[in-house]
């Protein structure tokens, strides 16, 4: 019986710990909108990397200030109990990394005015606005609902033709004044094609690209209109010379025929 009692006690403790991985913003900090203020959280502690965060109460200041440096959480949900829009703001150098889904059930547009890092492949359910740097890395982000990217950098990485960051889903990605940068360790292989979105990047500018190994070049002609990048071999100088020679010969034959 004693063993059974201790087992039940340990099981209850484990269930309690599992339940406590969800931490709700309760806006109980007496007008202090800081993420670091433990009085604002249902568990009276600051969320960590294993925490599913829910914004359950409308922030009275109209914002939540991320002031804990490189902040990492498991997921983020805007509950349907919210009564309006608000924004996440940063102190100097702060970032927010989300290792799972971003889910907006509030019906109001919610904004991120600080750098956001995708820590894993996940679904981002809008309406959401990202007004600072967004780092997708090599993750697949499924957009559902509207997501707006405005006025900063949108960064993807490529490792190889099957591992690279991109958007999927039926949700719309609106890009305005955004520079899209492609990084990563990819060195190139002729014929590789990358599809970065099911929509388009009209309204953006293509910035940096990975440096390809010798004899390869990027084809960027369809990137902004349909999100496509491809890699092609650059013809050797001898091939250019052969083409030029063929053209000269053809022109000479054409002239002789005209004179005849």
C-alpha atoms as a PDB file:
ATOM      1  CA  UNK A   1       0.000   0.000   0.000  1.00  0.00           C
ATOM      2  CA  UNK A   2       2.828   2.377   0.831  1.00  0.00           C
ATOM      3  CA  UNK A   3       4.444   1.712  -2.570  1.00  0.00           C
ATOM      4  CA  UNK A   4       1.125   2.395  -4.279  1.00  0.00           C
ATOM      5  CA  UNK A   5       0.780   5.644  -2.312  1.00  0.00           C
ATOM      6  CA  UNK A   6       4.240   6.862  -3.355  1.00  0.00           C
ATOM      7  CA  UNK A   7       3.589   5.847  -6.966  1.00  0.00           C
ATOM      8  CA  UNK A   8       0.324   7.811  -6.974  1.00  0.00           C
ATOM      9  CA  UNK A   9       2.089  10.809  -5.420  1.00  0.00           C
ATOM     10  CA  UNK A  10       4.831  10.733  -8.053  1.00  0.00           C
ATOM     11  CA  UNK A  11       2.275  10.374 -10.846  1.00  0.00           C
ATOM     12  CA  UNK A  12       0.325  13.353  -9.557  1.00  0.00           C
ATOM     13  CA  UNK A  13       3.523  15.388  -9.378  1.00  0.00           C
ATOM     14  CA  UNK A  14       4.431  14.442 -12.962  1.00  0.00           C
ATOM     15  CA  UNK A  15       0.954  15.394 -14.194  1.00  0.00           C
ATOM     16  CA  UNK A  16       1.242  18.680 -12.331  1.00  0.00           C
ATOM     17  CA  UNK A  17       4.571  19.451 -14.003  1.00  0.00           C
ATOM     18  CA  UNK A  18       3.106  18.638 -17.413  1.00  0.00           C
ATOM     19  CA  UNK A  19       0.145  20.927 -16.800  1.00  0.00           C
ATOM     20  CA  UNK A  20       2.456  23.708 -15.730  1.00  0.00           C
ATOM     21  CA  UNK A  21       4.156  23.852 -19.126  1.00  0.00           C
ATOM     22  CA  UNK A  22       1.335  26.230 -20.153  1.00  0.00           C
ATOM     23  CA  UNK A  23       1.841  29.730 -18.787  1.00  0.00           C
ATOM     24  CA  UNK A  24      -0.869  32.375 -19.289  1.00  0.00           C
ATOM     25  CA  UNK A  25      -0.329  36.128 -19.551  1.00  0.00           C
ATOM     26  CA  UNK A  26      -2.714  37.573 -16.949  1.00  0.00           C
ATOM     27  CA  UNK A  27      -1.594  41.226 -17.062  1.00  0.00           C
ATOM     28  CA  UNK A  28      -1.333  41.266 -13.287  1.00  0.00           C
ATOM     29  CA  UNK A  29       1.758  43.420 -13.037  1.00  0.00           C
ATOM     30  CA  UNK A  30       0.102  46.645 -11.978  1.00  0.00           C
ATOM     31  CA  UNK A  31       0.570  48.395 -15.310  1.00  0.00           C
ATOM     32  CA  UNK A  32       4.068  47.012 -15.918  1.00  0.00           C
ATOM     33  CA  UNK A  33       3.911  45.304 -19.366  1.00  0.00           C
ATOM     34  CA  UNK A  34       7.321  43.623 -19.035  1.00  0.00           C
ATOM     35  CA  UNK A  35       7.716  39.978 -20.037  1.00  0.00           C
ATOM     36  CA  UNK A  36      10.148  39.620 -17.118  1.00  0.00           C
ATOM     37  CA  UNK A  37       7.550  40.676 -14.529  1.00  0.00           C
ATOM     38  CA  UNK A  38       6.486  37.393 -12.896  1.00  0.00           C
ATOM     39  CA  UNK A  39       3.256  38.999 -11.643  1.00  0.00           C
ATOM     40  CA  UNK A  40       2.038  39.031 -15.255  1.00  0.00           C
ATOM     41  CA  UNK A  41       2.078  35.225 -15.516  1.00  0.00           C
ATOM     42  CA  UNK A  42      -0.313  32.591 -14.189  1.00  0.00           C
ATOM     43  CA  UNK A  43       2.559  30.433 -12.899  1.00  0.00           C
ATOM     44  CA  UNK A  44       4.344  33.426 -11.351  1.00  0.00           C
ATOM     45  CA  UNK A  45       7.471  32.716 -13.382  1.00  0.00           C
ATOM     46  CA  UNK A  46       8.881  33.792 -16.715  1.00  0.00           C
ATOM     47  CA  UNK A  47       8.198  31.339 -19.579  1.00  0.00           C
ATOM     48  CA  UNK A  48      11.107  29.234 -20.797  1.00  0.00           C
ATOM     49  CA  UNK A  49      11.954  27.063 -23.795  1.00  0.00           C
ATOM     50  CA  UNK A  50       9.594  24.247 -22.727  1.00  0.00           C
ATOM     51  CA  UNK A  51       6.644  26.570 -22.110  1.00  0.00           C
ATOM     52  CA  UNK A  52       3.501  26.922 -24.223  1.00  0.00           C
ATOM     53  CA  UNK A  53       2.599  30.587 -23.814  1.00  0.00           C
ATOM     54  CA  UNK A  54      -0.995  31.796 -24.029  1.00  0.00           C
ATOM     55  CA  UNK A  55      -1.939  35.474 -24.042  1.00  0.00           C
ATOM     56  CA  UNK A  56      -5.204  35.169 -22.130  1.00  0.00           C
ATOM     57  CA  UNK A  57      -5.811  38.767 -21.013  1.00  0.00           C
ATOM     58  CA  UNK A  58      -5.627  41.908 -23.148  1.00  0.00           C
ATOM     59  CA  UNK A  59      -2.371  43.757 -22.289  1.00  0.00           C
ATOM     60  CA  UNK A  60      -3.567  46.987 -20.672  1.00  0.00           C
ATOM     61  CA  UNK A  61      -0.552  48.927 -21.974  1.00  0.00           C
ATOM     62  CA  UNK A  62      -1.298  47.898 -25.557  1.00  0.00           C
ATOM     63  CA  UNK A  63       1.967  45.973 -25.689  1.00  0.00           C
ATOM     64  CA  UNK A  64       4.117  43.315 -24.075  1.00  0.00           C
ATOM     65  CA  UNK A  65       7.755  44.319 -23.700  1.00  0.00           C
ATOM     66  CA  UNK A  66      10.265  41.524 -24.288  1.00  0.00           C
ATOM     67  CA  UNK A  67      13.114  42.429 -21.954  1.00  0.00           C
ATOM     68  CA  UNK A  68      14.760  39.072 -21.296  1.00  0.00           C
ATOM     69  CA  UNK A  69      17.388  39.041 -24.064  1.00  0.00           C
ATOM     70  CA  UNK A  70      17.324  35.987 -26.332  1.00  0.00           C
ATOM     71  CA  UNK A  71      13.901  34.744 -25.236  1.00  0.00           C
ATOM     72  CA  UNK A  72      12.881  31.195 -26.246  1.00  0.00           C
ATOM     73  CA  UNK A  73       9.447  29.596 -25.835  1.00  0.00           C
ATOM     74  CA  UNK A  74       7.808  26.401 -27.090  1.00  0.00           C
ATOM     75  CA  UNK A  75       4.717  27.930 -28.729  1.00  0.00           C
ATOM     76  CA  UNK A  76       2.581  31.068 -28.666  1.00  0.00           C
ATOM     77  CA  UNK A  77      -1.219  31.354 -28.694  1.00  0.00           C
ATOM     78  CA  UNK A  78      -3.364  34.486 -28.736  1.00  0.00           C
ATOM     79  CA  UNK A  79      -6.587  33.398 -27.008  1.00  0.00           C
ATOM     80  CA  UNK A  80     -10.104  34.276 -28.167  1.00  0.00           C
ATOM     81  CA  UNK A  81     -10.573  36.146 -24.871  1.00  0.00           C
ATOM     82  CA  UNK A  82      -8.548  39.092 -26.201  1.00  0.00           C
ATOM     83  CA  UNK A  83     -10.477  42.255 -27.022  1.00  0.00           C
ATOM     84  CA  UNK A  84      -8.158  43.923 -29.524  1.00  0.00           C
ATOM     85  CA  UNK A  85      -4.751  44.142 -31.183  1.00  0.00           C
ATOM     86  CA  UNK A  86      -1.441  44.699 -29.402  1.00  0.00           C
ATOM     87  CA  UNK A  87       2.254  44.360 -30.188  1.00  0.00           C
ATOM     88  CA  UNK A  88       5.342  42.655 -28.845  1.00  0.00           C
ATOM     89  CA  UNK A  89       8.051  45.277 -28.378  1.00  0.00           C
ATOM     90  CA  UNK A  90      11.744  44.919 -27.619  1.00  0.00           C
ATOM     91  CA  UNK A  91      14.314  46.432 -25.359  1.00  0.00           C
ATOM     92  CA  UNK A  92      17.808  46.823 -26.800  1.00  0.00           C
ATOM     93  CA  UNK A  93      18.933  43.633 -28.556  1.00  0.00           C
ATOM     94  CA  UNK A  94      16.032  41.368 -27.513  1.00  0.00           C
ATOM     95  CA  UNK A  95      14.768  38.550 -29.730  1.00  0.00           C
ATOM     96  CA  UNK A  96      11.909  36.052 -29.525  1.00  0.00           C
ATOM     97  CA  UNK A  97      12.432  32.468 -30.696  1.00  0.00           C
ATOM     98  CA  UNK A  98       9.348  30.286 -31.032  1.00  0.00           C
ATOM     99  CA  UNK A  99      10.039  26.563 -31.367  1.00  0.00           C
ATOM    100  CA  UNK A 100       6.511  25.648 -32.438  1.00  0.00           C
ATOM    101  CA  UNK A 101       3.220  27.077 -33.609  1.00  0.00           C
ATOM    102  CA  UNK A 102       2.067  30.684 -33.522  1.00  0.00           C
ATOM    103  CA  UNK A 103      -1.729  30.579 -33.283  1.00  0.00           C
ATOM    104  CA  UNK A 104      -3.936  33.655 -33.358  1.00  0.00           C
ATOM    105  CA  UNK A 105      -7.423  32.749 -32.158  1.00  0.00           C
ATOM    106  CA  UNK A 106      -8.276  36.317 -31.181  1.00  0.00           C
ATOM    107  CA  UNK A 107      -9.639  37.513 -34.512  1.00  0.00           C
ATOM    108  CA  UNK A 108      -7.521  40.695 -34.187  1.00  0.00           C
ATOM    109  CA  UNK A 109      -4.243  41.391 -35.971  1.00  0.00           C
ATOM    110  CA  UNK A 110      -1.294  40.929 -33.583  1.00  0.00           C
ATOM    111  CA  UNK A 111       2.165  42.375 -34.220  1.00  0.00           C
ATOM    112  CA  UNK A 112       5.806  41.543 -33.593  1.00  0.00           C
ATOM    113  CA  UNK A 113       8.030  44.627 -33.515  1.00  0.00           C
ATOM    114  CA  UNK A 114      11.140  42.675 -32.570  1.00  0.00           C
ATOM    115  CA  UNK A 115      13.240  40.015 -34.324  1.00  0.00           C
ATOM    116  CA  UNK A 116      11.429  36.662 -34.496  1.00  0.00           C
ATOM    117  CA  UNK A 117      13.277  33.366 -34.985  1.00  0.00           C
ATOM    118  CA  UNK A 118      11.556  30.187 -36.141  1.00  0.00           C
ATOM    119  CA  UNK A 119      13.057  27.472 -33.962  1.00  0.00           C
ATOM    120  CA  UNK A 120      11.369  24.608 -35.825  1.00  0.00           C
ATOM    121  CA  UNK A 121       8.988  23.840 -38.662  1.00  0.00           C
ATOM    122  CA  UNK A 122       5.504  24.899 -37.610  1.00  0.00           C
ATOM    123  CA  UNK A 123       2.208  26.539 -38.553  1.00  0.00           C
ATOM    124  CA  UNK A 124       1.759  30.301 -38.155  1.00  0.00           C
ATOM    125  CA  UNK A 125      -1.939  31.158 -38.009  1.00  0.00           C
ATOM    126  CA  UNK A 126      -2.726  34.816 -38.634  1.00  0.00           C
ATOM    127  CA  UNK A 127      -3.637  37.575 -38.905  1.00  0.00           C
ATOM    128  CA  UNK A 128      -0.090  38.476 -37.836  1.00  0.00           C
ATOM    129  CA  UNK A 129       2.298  41.301 -38.704  1.00  0.00           C
ATOM    130  CA  UNK A 130       6.095  41.037 -38.501  1.00  0.00           C
ATOM    131  CA  UNK A 131       7.735  44.477 -38.570  1.00  0.00           C
ATOM    132  CA  UNK A 132      11.283  43.450 -37.731  1.00  0.00           C
ATOM    133  CA  UNK A 133      13.716  40.749 -38.830  1.00  0.00           C
ATOM    134  CA  UNK A 134      12.244  37.261 -39.320  1.00  0.00           C
ATOM    135  CA  UNK A 135      14.687  34.331 -39.423  1.00  0.00           C
ATOM    136  CA  UNK A 136      13.142  31.183 -40.891  1.00  0.00           C
ATOM    137  CA  UNK A 137      16.388  29.219 -41.215  1.00  0.00           C
ATOM    138  CA  UNK A 138      15.856  25.840 -42.908  1.00  0.00           C
ATOM    139  CA  UNK A 139      12.388  25.404 -41.405  1.00  0.00           C
ATOM    140  CA  UNK A 140       9.121  24.884 -43.261  1.00  0.00           C
ATOM    141  CA  UNK A 141       6.581  27.454 -42.090  1.00  0.00           C
ATOM    142  CA  UNK A 142       2.984  26.697 -43.027  1.00  0.00           C
ATOM    143  CA  UNK A 143       1.071  29.964 -43.264  1.00  0.00           C
ATOM    144  CA  UNK A 144      -2.613  29.874 -42.415  1.00  0.00           C
ATOM    145  CA  UNK A 145      -4.539  33.120 -42.506  1.00  0.00           C
ATOM    146  CA  UNK A 146      -2.817  36.371 -43.399  1.00  0.00           C
ATOM    147  CA  UNK A 147       0.783  37.132 -42.444  1.00  0.00           C
ATOM    148  CA  UNK A 148       2.307  40.519 -43.286  1.00  0.00           C
ATOM    149  CA  UNK A 149       6.068  41.111 -43.407  1.00  0.00           C
ATOM    150  CA  UNK A 150       6.906  44.806 -43.458  1.00  0.00           C
ATOM    151  CA  UNK A 151       9.986  46.961 -43.609  1.00  0.00           C
ATOM    152  CA  UNK A 152      12.788  44.610 -42.567  1.00  0.00           C
ATOM    153  CA  UNK A 153      14.676  41.439 -43.490  1.00  0.00           C
ATOM    154  CA  UNK A 154      13.148  38.020 -44.144  1.00  0.00           C
ATOM    155  CA  UNK A 155      15.908  35.404 -43.994  1.00  0.00           C
ATOM    156  CA  UNK A 156      15.950  31.808 -45.276  1.00  0.00           C
ATOM    157  CA  UNK A 157      18.788  29.258 -45.310  1.00  0.00           C
ATOM    158  CA  UNK A 158      19.644  26.484 -47.785  1.00  0.00           C
ATOM    159  CA  UNK A 159      21.561  23.338 -46.839  1.00  0.00           C
ATOM    160  CA  UNK A 160      20.725  21.243 -49.911  1.00  0.00           C
ATOM    161  CA  UNK A 161      17.941  20.827 -52.473  1.00  0.00           C
ATOM    162  CA  UNK A 162      15.647  19.121 -49.952  1.00  0.00           C
ATOM    163  CA  UNK A 163      16.575  21.083 -46.812  1.00  0.00           C
ATOM    164  CA  UNK A 164      15.850  24.783 -47.012  1.00  0.00           C
ATOM    165  CA  UNK A 165      13.546  27.320 -45.413  1.00  0.00           C
ATOM    166  CA  UNK A 166      10.291  28.109 -47.170  1.00  0.00           C
ATOM    167  CA  UNK A 167       6.618  28.954 -46.787  1.00  0.00           C
ATOM    168  CA  UNK A 168       3.805  26.494 -47.440  1.00  0.00           C
ATOM    169  CA  UNK A 169       0.050  26.635 -46.963  1.00  0.00           C
ATOM    170  CA  UNK A 170      -2.939  28.501 -48.284  1.00  0.00           C
ATOM    171  CA  UNK A 171      -2.377  31.597 -46.147  1.00  0.00           C
ATOM    172  CA  UNK A 172      -1.223  34.771 -47.799  1.00  0.00           C
ATOM    173  CA  UNK A 173       2.210  36.300 -47.160  1.00  0.00           C
ATOM    174  CA  UNK A 174       2.165  40.017 -47.902  1.00  0.00           C
ATOM    175  CA  UNK A 175       5.647  41.516 -48.198  1.00  0.00           C
ATOM    176  CA  UNK A 176       6.152  45.292 -48.246  1.00  0.00           C
ATOM    177  CA  UNK A 177       9.565  46.950 -48.261  1.00  0.00           C
ATOM    178  CA  UNK A 178      11.193  43.673 -47.223  1.00  0.00           C
ATOM    179  CA  UNK A 179      14.644  42.451 -48.242  1.00  0.00           C
ATOM    180  CA  UNK A 180      14.733  38.662 -48.614  1.00  0.00           C
ATOM    181  CA  UNK A 181      18.143  37.146 -47.918  1.00  0.00           C
ATOM    182  CA  UNK A 182      19.150  33.555 -48.643  1.00  0.00           C
ATOM    183  CA  UNK A 183      22.008  32.122 -46.603  1.00  0.00           C
ATOM    184  CA  UNK A 184      23.276  28.747 -45.488  1.00  0.00           C
ATOM    185  CA  UNK A 185      26.031  26.315 -46.451  1.00  0.00           C
ATOM    186  CA  UNK A 186      24.720  25.456 -49.925  1.00  0.00           C
ATOM    187  CA  UNK A 187      27.452  25.537 -52.612  1.00  0.00           C
ATOM    188  CA  UNK A 188      25.346  24.664 -55.663  1.00  0.00           C
ATOM    189  CA  UNK A 189      24.424  21.847 -58.023  1.00  0.00           C
ATOM    190  CA  UNK A 190      23.314  22.409 -61.596  1.00  0.00           C
ATOM    191  CA  UNK A 191      19.589  21.877 -62.099  1.00  0.00           C
ATOM    192  CA  UNK A 192      18.588  22.392 -58.437  1.00  0.00           C
ATOM    193  CA  UNK A 193      15.354  24.343 -57.996  1.00  0.00           C
ATOM    194  CA  UNK A 194      13.993  25.895 -54.793  1.00  0.00           C
ATOM    195  CA  UNK A 195      10.389  26.981 -54.259  1.00  0.00           C
ATOM    196  CA  UNK A 196      10.234  29.393 -51.322  1.00  0.00           C
ATOM    197  CA  UNK A 197       6.501  30.141 -51.256  1.00  0.00           C
ATOM    198  CA  UNK A 198       3.156  28.912 -52.541  1.00  0.00           C
ATOM    199  CA  UNK A 199       2.367  32.579 -53.230  1.00  0.00           C
ATOM    200  CA  UNK A 200       4.766  35.295 -54.362  1.00  0.00           C
ATOM    201  CA  UNK A 201       7.179  37.882 -53.008  1.00  0.00           C
ATOM    202  CA  UNK A 202       5.945  40.861 -55.006  1.00  0.00           C
ATOM    203  CA  UNK A 203       6.765  43.992 -53.019  1.00  0.00           C
ATOM    204  CA  UNK A 204      10.090  42.602 -51.760  1.00  0.00           C
ATOM    205  CA  UNK A 205      13.697  42.950 -52.873  1.00  0.00           C
ATOM    206  CA  UNK A 206      16.035  39.981 -53.272  1.00  0.00           C
ATOM    207  CA  UNK A 207      19.179  40.545 -51.223  1.00  0.00           C
ATOM    208  CA  UNK A 208      22.098  38.192 -50.597  1.00  0.00           C
ATOM    209  CA  UNK A 209      22.437  34.652 -51.982  1.00  0.00           C
ATOM    210  CA  UNK A 210      24.823  31.786 -51.170  1.00  0.00           C
ATOM    211  CA  UNK A 211      28.062  31.840 -53.142  1.00  0.00           C
ATOM    212  CA  UNK A 212      27.992  29.030 -55.684  1.00  0.00           C
ATOM    213  CA  UNK A 213      30.946  26.864 -56.601  1.00  0.00           C
ATOM    214  CA  UNK A 214      32.759  27.419 -59.891  1.00  0.00           C
ATOM    215  CA  UNK A 215      30.812  27.329 -63.122  1.00  0.00           C
ATOM    216  CA  UNK A 216      27.344  27.809 -61.567  1.00  0.00           C
ATOM    217  CA  UNK A 217      25.006  30.784 -61.408  1.00  0.00           C
ATOM    218  CA  UNK A 218      21.650  31.631 -59.852  1.00  0.00           C
ATOM    219  CA  UNK A 219      18.570  32.162 -61.999  1.00  0.00           C
ATOM    220  CA  UNK A 220      16.529  34.701 -60.028  1.00  0.00           C
ATOM    221  CA  UNK A 221      14.108  35.755 -62.772  1.00  0.00           C
ATOM    222  CA  UNK A 222      11.056  34.124 -61.144  1.00  0.00           C
ATOM    223  CA  UNK A 223      11.880  34.691 -57.483  1.00  0.00           C
ATOM    224  CA  UNK A 224       9.709  37.737 -56.767  1.00  0.00           C
ATOM    225  CA  UNK A 225       6.815  36.620 -58.976  1.00  0.00           C
ATOM    226  CA  UNK A 226       6.598  33.023 -57.770  1.00  0.00           C
ATOM    227  CA  UNK A 227       9.307  32.376 -55.150  1.00  0.00           C
ATOM    228  CA  UNK A 228      11.480  30.224 -57.427  1.00  0.00           C
ATOM    229  CA  UNK A 229      15.279  30.076 -57.522  1.00  0.00           C
ATOM    230  CA  UNK A 230      17.264  27.707 -59.707  1.00  0.00           C
ATOM    231  CA  UNK A 231      20.905  26.895 -60.404  1.00  0.00           C
ATOM    232  CA  UNK A 232      22.377  26.563 -63.886  1.00  0.00           C
ATOM    233  CA  UNK A 233      25.848  25.934 -65.320  1.00  0.00           C
ATOM    234  CA  UNK A 234      27.556  28.906 -66.929  1.00  0.00           C
ATOM    235  CA  UNK A 235      28.651  28.012 -70.495  1.00  0.00           C
ATOM    236  CA  UNK A 236      32.422  27.736 -70.917  1.00  0.00           C
ATOM    237  CA  UNK A 237      34.163  30.506 -72.914  1.00  0.00           C
ATOM    238  CA  UNK A 238      34.843  27.957 -75.663  1.00  0.00           C
ATOM    239  CA  UNK A 239      31.103  27.395 -75.969  1.00  0.00           C
ATOM    240  CA  UNK A 240      30.558  31.128 -76.363  1.00  0.00           C
ATOM    241  CA  UNK A 241      33.275  31.201 -79.023  1.00  0.00           C
ATOM    242  CA  UNK A 242      31.676  28.297 -80.891  1.00  0.00           C
ATOM    243  CA  UNK A 243      28.291  30.018 -80.799  1.00  0.00           C
ATOM    244  CA  UNK A 244      29.850  33.270 -82.026  1.00  0.00           C
ATOM    245  CA  UNK A 245      31.680  31.439 -84.813  1.00  0.00           C
ATOM    246  CA  UNK A 246      28.484  29.720 -85.924  1.00  0.00           C
ATOM    247  CA  UNK A 247      26.695  33.063 -85.978  1.00  0.00           C
ATOM    248  CA  UNK A 248      29.482  34.658 -88.093  1.00  0.00           C
ATOM    249  CA  UNK A 249      29.439  31.793 -90.574  1.00  0.00           C
ATOM    250  CA  UNK A 250      25.674  31.957 -90.802  1.00  0.00           C
ATOM    251  CA  UNK A 251      25.780  35.698 -91.427  1.00  0.00           C
ATOM    252  CA  UNK A 252      28.395  35.242 -94.175  1.00  0.00           C
ATOM    253  CA  UNK A 253      26.299  32.579 -95.944  1.00  0.00           C
ATOM    254  CA  UNK A 254      23.254  34.845 -95.726  1.00  0.00           C
ATOM    255  CA  UNK A 255      25.201  37.764 -97.302  1.00  0.00           C
ATOM    256  CA  UNK A 256      26.540  35.593-100.157  1.00  0.00           C
ATOM    257  CA  UNK A 257      23.052  34.348-100.929  1.00  0.00           C
ATOM    258  CA  UNK A 258      21.740  37.902-101.025  1.00  0.00           C
ATOM    259  CA  UNK A 259      24.512  38.953-103.453  1.00  0.00           C
ATOM    260  CA  UNK A 260      23.784  35.983-105.674  1.00  0.00           C
END
